[in-house]
Amino acid sequence: MTRVSVRFFAGAAEAFGATETQVEGADTVAGLIESLAGADERLRMVLDQCSFFVDGEHSTALEKPLPEDGRIDVLPPFAGG
């Protein structure tokens, strides 16, 4: 069973209600979203707009496999200038 550490930043942390958590059993980014959001539609909407970094590498594929003991960073969209 895959276990990963998840760190949330900015609005993603606010929507989740914490800056970090551990998730077991999610094998892909899509599975991670499902595990985190469950029936919480507000959180799901936020996560659907976020970028996911798997061990520091940007993941654009929802079916990207998650590594055992990996670190997933969840960043909401942001604007800079």
N, C-alpha and C. Protein backbone atom coordinates (compact mmCIF):
# COMPACT_ATOMS: atom_id res chain seq x y z
N MET A 1 0.84 -1.18 0.00
CA MET A 1 0.00 0.00 0.00
C MET A 1 0.89 1.24 0.00
N THR A 2 0.64 2.14 -0.93
CA THR A 2 1.44 3.35 -1.06
C THR A 2 1.10 4.34 0.05
N ARG A 3 2.13 4.91 0.64
CA ARG A 3 1.98 5.95 1.65
C ARG A 3 2.79 7.16 1.20
N VAL A 4 2.15 8.36 1.19
CA VAL A 4 2.83 9.58 0.79
C VAL A 4 2.57 10.68 1.80
N SER A 5 3.51 11.62 1.86
CA SER A 5 3.35 12.84 2.65
C SER A 5 2.85 13.93 1.71
N VAL A 6 1.86 14.67 2.15
CA VAL A 6 1.27 15.72 1.33
C VAL A 6 1.42 17.05 2.05
N ARG A 7 1.94 18.05 1.33
CA ARG A 7 2.05 19.41 1.87
C ARG A 7 1.16 20.32 1.03
N PHE A 8 0.38 21.15 1.71
CA PHE A 8 -0.54 22.08 1.06
C PHE A 8 -0.02 23.50 1.24
N PHE A 9 -0.19 24.31 0.22
CA PHE A 9 0.27 25.69 0.25
C PHE A 9 -0.89 26.64 -0.03
N ALA A 10 -0.83 27.83 0.58
CA ALA A 10 -1.76 28.93 0.34
C ALA A 10 -3.22 28.48 0.43
N GLY A 11 -4.01 28.76 -0.59
CA GLY A 11 -5.43 28.45 -0.58
C GLY A 11 -5.74 26.97 -0.46
N ALA A 12 -4.83 26.12 -0.92
CA ALA A 12 -5.04 24.67 -0.78
C ALA A 12 -4.99 24.28 0.69
N ALA A 13 -4.07 24.87 1.44
CA ALA A 13 -3.99 24.60 2.88
C ALA A 13 -5.24 25.11 3.59
N GLU A 14 -5.69 26.28 3.18
CA GLU A 14 -6.90 26.84 3.78
C GLU A 14 -8.10 25.94 3.51
N ALA A 15 -8.25 25.46 2.30
CA ALA A 15 -9.39 24.61 1.94
C ALA A 15 -9.31 23.26 2.66
N PHE A 16 -8.10 22.72 2.81
CA PHE A 16 -7.94 21.43 3.47
C PHE A 16 -8.03 21.55 4.98
N GLY A 17 -7.61 22.70 5.50
CA GLY A 17 -7.66 22.91 6.93
C GLY A 17 -6.38 22.54 7.66
N ALA A 18 -5.32 22.28 6.92
CA ALA A 18 -4.01 21.94 7.49
C ALA A 18 -2.96 22.12 6.41
N THR A 19 -1.70 22.17 6.83
CA THR A 19 -0.63 22.34 5.85
C THR A 19 0.01 21.02 5.46
N GLU A 20 -0.24 19.96 6.23
CA GLU A 20 0.37 18.66 5.93
C GLU A 20 -0.55 17.52 6.34
N THR A 21 -0.37 16.39 5.66
CA THR A 21 -1.07 15.17 6.04
C THR A 21 -0.34 13.98 5.44
N GLN A 22 -0.69 12.80 5.89
CA GLN A 22 -0.20 11.55 5.33
C GLN A 22 -1.38 10.84 4.69
N VAL A 23 -1.16 10.22 3.53
CA VAL A 23 -2.22 9.49 2.84
C VAL A 23 -1.72 8.10 2.51
N GLU A 24 -2.54 7.11 2.80
CA GLU A 24 -2.21 5.73 2.45
C GLU A 24 -3.23 5.21 1.44
N GLY A 25 -2.75 4.43 0.50
CA GLY A 25 -3.63 3.75 -0.43
C GLY A 25 -3.90 4.46 -1.74
N ALA A 26 -3.41 5.66 -1.93
CA ALA A 26 -3.59 6.37 -3.21
C ALA A 26 -2.38 6.05 -4.09
N ASP A 27 -2.63 5.45 -5.24
CA ASP A 27 -1.54 5.03 -6.12
C ASP A 27 -1.23 6.02 -7.23
N THR A 28 -2.14 6.97 -7.47
CA THR A 28 -1.96 7.97 -8.53
C THR A 28 -2.37 9.34 -8.01
N VAL A 29 -2.07 10.39 -8.77
CA VAL A 29 -2.50 11.74 -8.39
C VAL A 29 -4.03 11.78 -8.33
N ALA A 30 -4.71 11.16 -9.28
CA ALA A 30 -6.18 11.13 -9.26
C ALA A 30 -6.69 10.43 -8.00
N GLY A 31 -6.06 9.34 -7.63
CA GLY A 31 -6.44 8.63 -6.41
C GLY A 31 -6.19 9.47 -5.17
N LEU A 32 -5.13 10.25 -5.20
CA LEU A 32 -4.81 11.14 -4.09
C LEU A 32 -5.90 12.20 -3.94
N ILE A 33 -6.32 12.79 -5.05
CA ILE A 33 -7.40 13.79 -5.02
C ILE A 33 -8.65 13.17 -4.42
N GLU A 34 -8.98 11.98 -4.85
CA GLU A 34 -10.17 11.28 -4.33
C GLU A 34 -10.04 11.02 -2.84
N SER A 35 -8.88 10.58 -2.40
CA SER A 35 -8.66 10.30 -0.98
C SER A 35 -8.76 11.57 -0.15
N LEU A 36 -8.23 12.66 -0.65
CA LEU A 36 -8.23 13.92 0.10
C LEU A 36 -9.61 14.57 0.14
N ALA A 37 -10.29 14.59 -0.99
CA ALA A 37 -11.55 15.34 -1.09
C ALA A 37 -12.75 14.53 -0.62
N GLY A 38 -12.77 13.24 -0.93
CA GLY A 38 -13.94 12.44 -0.57
C GLY A 38 -15.21 13.11 -1.06
N ALA A 39 -16.15 13.37 -0.15
CA ALA A 39 -17.42 13.99 -0.51
C ALA A 39 -17.41 15.50 -0.36
N ASP A 40 -16.27 16.10 -0.02
CA ASP A 40 -16.17 17.54 0.18
C ASP A 40 -16.03 18.23 -1.18
N GLU A 41 -17.14 18.69 -1.73
CA GLU A 41 -17.15 19.29 -3.07
C GLU A 41 -16.32 20.57 -3.14
N ARG A 42 -16.32 21.36 -2.07
CA ARG A 42 -15.52 22.59 -2.07
C ARG A 42 -14.03 22.27 -2.18
N LEU A 43 -13.58 21.32 -1.40
CA LEU A 43 -12.17 20.92 -1.46
C LEU A 43 -11.85 20.32 -2.81
N ARG A 44 -12.74 19.52 -3.35
CA ARG A 44 -12.51 18.92 -4.68
C ARG A 44 -12.35 20.01 -5.74
N MET A 45 -13.17 21.06 -5.67
CA MET A 45 -13.06 22.15 -6.64
C MET A 45 -11.69 22.83 -6.53
N VAL A 46 -11.22 23.03 -5.31
CA VAL A 46 -9.90 23.64 -5.13
C VAL A 46 -8.82 22.71 -5.67
N LEU A 47 -8.86 21.44 -5.30
CA LEU A 47 -7.84 20.49 -5.75
C LEU A 47 -7.83 20.33 -7.26
N ASP A 48 -8.99 20.41 -7.89
CA ASP A 48 -9.07 20.29 -9.35
C ASP A 48 -8.33 21.43 -10.06
N GLN A 49 -8.09 22.54 -9.36
CA GLN A 49 -7.40 23.68 -9.96
C GLN A 49 -5.93 23.73 -9.57
N CYS A 50 -5.51 22.85 -8.68
CA CYS A 50 -4.14 22.89 -8.14
C CYS A 50 -3.13 22.19 -9.06
N SER A 51 -1.88 22.53 -8.83
CA SER A 51 -0.75 21.82 -9.45
C SER A 51 -0.20 20.87 -8.40
N PHE A 52 0.25 19.71 -8.86
CA PHE A 52 0.81 18.69 -7.98
C PHE A 52 2.25 18.44 -8.36
N PHE A 53 3.11 18.46 -7.37
CA PHE A 53 4.52 18.17 -7.56
C PHE A 53 4.83 16.88 -6.81
N VAL A 54 5.31 15.89 -7.53
CA VAL A 54 5.63 14.58 -6.96
C VAL A 54 7.14 14.50 -6.80
N ASP A 55 7.59 14.48 -5.56
CA ASP A 55 9.03 14.50 -5.25
C ASP A 55 9.74 15.61 -6.02
N GLY A 56 9.12 16.79 -6.05
CA GLY A 56 9.73 17.96 -6.66
C GLY A 56 9.53 18.10 -8.15
N GLU A 57 8.89 17.13 -8.79
CA GLU A 57 8.67 17.17 -10.24
C GLU A 57 7.20 17.44 -10.54
N HIS A 58 6.95 18.48 -11.35
CA HIS A 58 5.57 18.84 -11.69
C HIS A 58 4.90 17.68 -12.41
N SER A 59 3.72 17.32 -11.94
CA SER A 59 2.96 16.23 -12.56
C SER A 59 1.77 16.82 -13.29
N THR A 60 1.71 16.59 -14.59
CA THR A 60 0.57 17.06 -15.38
C THR A 60 -0.41 15.92 -15.66
N ALA A 61 -0.04 14.69 -15.34
CA ALA A 61 -0.88 13.53 -15.61
C ALA A 61 -1.54 13.06 -14.31
N LEU A 62 -2.87 13.00 -14.31
CA LEU A 62 -3.58 12.53 -13.13
C LEU A 62 -3.31 11.05 -12.85
N GLU A 63 -2.91 10.32 -13.84
CA GLU A 63 -2.64 8.89 -13.65
C GLU A 63 -1.17 8.61 -13.33
N LYS A 64 -0.41 9.65 -13.03
CA LYS A 64 1.00 9.47 -12.66
C LYS A 64 1.07 8.64 -11.38
N PRO A 65 1.84 7.56 -11.39
CA PRO A 65 1.98 6.74 -10.18
C PRO A 65 2.70 7.51 -9.07
N LEU A 66 2.26 7.30 -7.85
CA LEU A 66 2.89 7.92 -6.70
C LEU A 66 3.92 6.96 -6.10
N PRO A 67 5.11 7.45 -5.78
CA PRO A 67 6.14 6.58 -5.21
C PRO A 67 5.88 6.32 -3.72
N GLU A 68 6.23 5.15 -3.26
CA GLU A 68 6.14 4.83 -1.83
C GLU A 68 6.98 5.83 -1.05
N ASP A 69 6.43 6.37 0.02
CA ASP A 69 7.09 7.37 0.87
C ASP A 69 7.45 8.64 0.12
N GLY A 70 6.70 8.94 -0.94
CA GLY A 70 6.95 10.15 -1.72
C GLY A 70 6.42 11.39 -1.02
N ARG A 71 6.82 12.55 -1.52
CA ARG A 71 6.34 13.83 -1.02
C ARG A 71 5.57 14.52 -2.13
N ILE A 72 4.35 14.88 -1.84
CA ILE A 72 3.49 15.53 -2.82
C ILE A 72 3.21 16.95 -2.33
N ASP A 73 3.51 17.93 -3.17
CA ASP A 73 3.22 19.33 -2.85
C ASP A 73 2.01 19.76 -3.68
N VAL A 74 1.05 20.40 -3.01
CA VAL A 74 -0.19 20.83 -3.65
C VAL A 74 -0.22 22.35 -3.63
N LEU A 75 -0.15 22.94 -4.83
CA LEU A 75 -0.10 24.40 -4.96
C LEU A 75 -1.29 24.89 -5.78
N PRO A 76 -2.05 25.83 -5.24
CA PRO A 76 -3.14 26.41 -6.00
C PRO A 76 -2.59 27.35 -7.07
N PRO A 77 -3.42 27.73 -8.03
CA PRO A 77 -2.95 28.69 -9.03
C PRO A 77 -2.60 30.01 -8.35
N PHE A 78 -1.61 30.67 -8.86
CA PHE A 78 -1.22 31.95 -8.30
C PHE A 78 -0.69 32.83 -9.41
N ALA A 79 -0.70 34.12 -9.16
CA ALA A 79 -0.20 35.10 -10.12
C ALA A 79 0.96 35.84 -9.47
N GLY A 80 1.93 36.11 -10.27
CA GLY A 80 3.09 36.84 -9.74
C GLY A 80 3.33 38.09 -10.56
N GLY A 81 4.24 38.86 -10.09
CA GLY A 81 4.50 40.05 -10.85
C GLY A 81 5.51 40.92 -10.17
